[in-house]
Amino acid sequence: MDNIVYLTNLYDYYESLLTEKQRQYFKDYYFDNLTLAEISENNGVSRSAAHKQIKEAENKLNFYEEKLKLYEKSLKIKEIIRDLKEKEEIEKLI
C-alpha cells in the first residue's frame, strides 16, 4: 500500500513527463482501480501490453524522482514549515 501512495504522489509531480498511453493506463490502474484485463479490453490491447505501459510509467516516475528529487524536496520543505510554525507557537508562549 505504501508503494501505491508513493507512486501516485510521484505521478502528481511527473505526470507530464509520461506518454499519453502511460498516463491513461497508470490512471486507470492506480486511480480508477481497473484490472489489467479491463484496461486491455477498454484500449483494445493485450494484458501484457497494458502491464508493460504501467511498468514503464512506474520506472519513469522512479527514475525522475531519483534524478530530480522534487517529491523528496517538497516533503523536506513541508517539514521545515511545520517546524517553523511550531517554533512560532512556542515563541508566542514565552
C-alpha atoms as a PDB file:
ATOM      1  CA  MET A   1       0.000   0.000   0.000  1.00  0.00           C
ATOM      2  CA  ASP A   2       2.829   2.420   0.796  1.00  0.00           C
ATOM      3  CA  ASN A   3       4.298   1.912  -2.676  1.00  0.00           C
ATOM      4  CA  ILE A   4       0.942   2.760  -4.255  1.00  0.00           C
ATOM      5  CA  VAL A   5       0.742   6.011  -2.299  1.00  0.00           C
ATOM      6  CA  TYR A   6       4.354   6.787  -3.183  1.00  0.00           C
ATOM      7  CA  LEU A   7       3.790   6.162  -6.906  1.00  0.00           C
ATOM      8  CA  THR A   8       0.610   8.221  -7.009  1.00  0.00           C
ATOM      9  CA  ASN A   9       2.440  11.079  -5.289  1.00  0.00           C
ATOM     10  CA  LEU A  10       5.233  10.838  -7.849  1.00  0.00           C
ATOM     11  CA  TYR A  11       2.599  10.881 -10.574  1.00  0.00           C
ATOM     12  CA  ASP A  12       1.416  14.270  -9.314  1.00  0.00           C
ATOM     13  CA  TYR A  13       4.906  15.658  -9.868  1.00  0.00           C
ATOM     14  CA  TYR A  14       5.950  13.945 -13.086  1.00  0.00           C
ATOM     15  CA  GLU A  15       2.700  13.211 -14.924  1.00  0.00           C
ATOM     16  CA  SER A  16       3.547  15.479 -17.837  1.00  0.00           C
ATOM     17  CA  LEU A  17       6.770  13.559 -18.484  1.00  0.00           C
ATOM     18  CA  LEU A  18       4.891  10.344 -19.280  1.00  0.00           C
ATOM     19  CA  THR A  19       3.419   9.435 -22.649  1.00  0.00           C
ATOM     20  CA  GLU A  20      -0.335   9.753 -23.120  1.00  0.00           C
ATOM     21  CA  LYS A  21      -0.732   5.954 -23.019  1.00  0.00           C
ATOM     22  CA  GLN A  22       1.334   5.674 -19.865  1.00  0.00           C
ATOM     23  CA  ARG A  23      -0.729   8.403 -18.193  1.00  0.00           C
ATOM     24  CA  GLN A  24      -4.008   6.791 -19.183  1.00  0.00           C
ATOM     25  CA  TYR A  25      -3.056   3.247 -18.154  1.00  0.00           C
ATOM     26  CA  PHE A  26      -1.498   4.487 -14.911  1.00  0.00           C
ATOM     27  CA  LYS A  27      -4.647   6.454 -14.022  1.00  0.00           C
ATOM     28  CA  ASP A  28      -6.871   3.521 -14.952  1.00  0.00           C
ATOM     29  CA  TYR A  29      -4.836   1.161 -12.813  1.00  0.00           C
ATOM     30  CA  TYR A  30      -3.987   3.279  -9.770  1.00  0.00           C
ATOM     31  CA  PHE A  31      -6.745   5.892  -9.599  1.00  0.00           C
ATOM     32  CA  ASP A  32      -9.703   4.091 -11.167  1.00  0.00           C
ATOM     33  CA  ASN A  33      -8.698   0.681  -9.770  1.00  0.00           C
ATOM     34  CA  LEU A  34      -9.223  -1.142 -13.069  1.00  0.00           C
ATOM     35  CA  THR A  35      -7.695  -4.556 -13.606  1.00  0.00           C
ATOM     36  CA  LEU A  36      -5.229  -5.267 -16.378  1.00  0.00           C
ATOM     37  CA  ALA A  37      -7.991  -7.192 -18.156  1.00  0.00           C
ATOM     38  CA  GLU A  38     -10.320  -4.183 -18.001  1.00  0.00           C
ATOM     39  CA  ILE A  39      -7.609  -1.793 -19.181  1.00  0.00           C
ATOM     40  CA  SER A  40      -6.677  -4.075 -22.063  1.00  0.00           C
ATOM     41  CA  GLU A  41     -10.317  -4.504 -23.068  1.00  0.00           C
ATOM     42  CA  ASN A  42     -11.027  -0.738 -22.916  1.00  0.00           C
ATOM     43  CA  ASN A  43      -7.976   0.071 -25.038  1.00  0.00           C
ATOM     44  CA  GLY A  44      -8.008  -2.858 -27.436  1.00  0.00           C
ATOM     45  CA  VAL A  45      -4.582  -4.150 -26.389  1.00  0.00           C
ATOM     46  CA  SER A  46      -3.299  -7.281 -24.715  1.00  0.00           C
ATOM     47  CA  ARG A  47      -2.965  -7.533 -20.946  1.00  0.00           C
ATOM     48  CA  SER A  48       0.799  -7.730 -21.337  1.00  0.00           C
ATOM     49  CA  ALA A  49       0.826  -4.506 -23.381  1.00  0.00           C
ATOM     50  CA  ALA A  50      -1.174  -2.727 -20.672  1.00  0.00           C
ATOM     51  CA  HIS A  51       1.100  -4.159 -17.991  1.00  0.00           C
ATOM     52  CA  LYS A  52       4.178  -3.063 -19.914  1.00  0.00           C
ATOM     53  CA  GLN A  53       2.915   0.526 -20.183  1.00  0.00           C
ATOM     54  CA  ILE A  54       2.128   0.655 -16.452  1.00  0.00           C
ATOM     55  CA  LYS A  55       5.551  -0.740 -15.531  1.00  0.00           C
ATOM     56  CA  GLU A  56       7.288   1.696 -17.863  1.00  0.00           C
ATOM     57  CA  ALA A  57       5.364   4.548 -16.234  1.00  0.00           C
ATOM     58  CA  GLU A  58       6.370   3.323 -12.764  1.00  0.00           C
ATOM     59  CA  ASN A  59      10.003   3.052 -13.836  1.00  0.00           C
ATOM     60  CA  LYS A  60       9.959   6.549 -15.338  1.00  0.00           C
ATOM     61  CA  LEU A  61       8.389   8.027 -12.205  1.00  0.00           C
ATOM     62  CA  ASN A  62      11.043   6.411 -10.044  1.00  0.00           C
ATOM     63  CA  PHE A  63      13.800   7.498 -12.440  1.00  0.00           C
ATOM     64  CA  TYR A  64      12.664  11.125 -12.459  1.00  0.00           C
ATOM     65  CA  GLU A  65      12.385  11.208  -8.684  1.00  0.00           C
ATOM     66  CA  GLU A  66      15.830   9.648  -8.351  1.00  0.00           C
ATOM     67  CA  LYS A  67      17.291  12.384 -10.564  1.00  0.00           C
ATOM     68  CA  LEU A  68      15.189  15.426  -9.676  1.00  0.00           C
ATOM     69  CA  LYS A  69      14.004  14.630  -6.128  1.00  0.00           C
ATOM     70  CA  LEU A  70      11.034  17.007  -6.361  1.00  0.00           C
ATOM     71  CA  TYR A  71       8.833  14.889  -4.097  1.00  0.00           C
ATOM     72  CA  GLU A  72      11.600  14.413  -1.526  1.00  0.00           C
ATOM     73  CA  LYS A  73      12.327  18.143  -1.515  1.00  0.00           C
ATOM     74  CA  SER A  74       8.667  19.000  -1.068  1.00  0.00           C
ATOM     75  CA  LEU A  75       8.484  16.710   1.973  1.00  0.00           C
ATOM     76  CA  LYS A  76      11.512  18.444   3.465  1.00  0.00           C
ATOM     77  CA  ILE A  77      10.026  21.877   2.808  1.00  0.00           C
ATOM     78  CA  LYS A  78       6.758  20.858   4.468  1.00  0.00           C
ATOM     79  CA  GLU A  79       8.705  19.576   7.460  1.00  0.00           C
ATOM     80  CA  ILE A  80      10.642  22.850   7.745  1.00  0.00           C
ATOM     81  CA  ILE A  81       7.418  24.860   7.531  1.00  0.00           C
ATOM     82  CA  ARG A  82       5.819  22.690  10.216  1.00  0.00           C
ATOM     83  CA  ASP A  83       8.873  23.158  12.447  1.00  0.00           C
ATOM     84  CA  LEU A  84       8.775  26.928  11.893  1.00  0.00           C
ATOM     85  CA  LYS A  85       5.113  27.087  12.823  1.00  0.00           C
ATOM     86  CA  GLU A  86       5.797  25.081  15.968  1.00  0.00           C
ATOM     87  CA  LYS A  87       8.699  27.386  16.812  1.00  0.00           C
ATOM     88  CA  GLU A  88       6.493  30.445  16.333  1.00  0.00           C
ATOM     89  CA  GLU A  89       3.845  28.947  18.605  1.00  0.00           C
ATOM     90  CA  ILE A  90       6.463  28.240  21.275  1.00  0.00           C
ATOM     91  CA  GLU A  91       7.836  31.780  20.976  1.00  0.00           C
ATOM     92  CA  LYS A  92       4.322  33.172  21.476  1.00  0.00           C
ATOM     93  CA  LEU A  93       4.068  31.239  24.718  1.00  0.00           C
ATOM     94  CA  ILE A  94       7.371  32.524  26.054  1.00  0.00           C
END
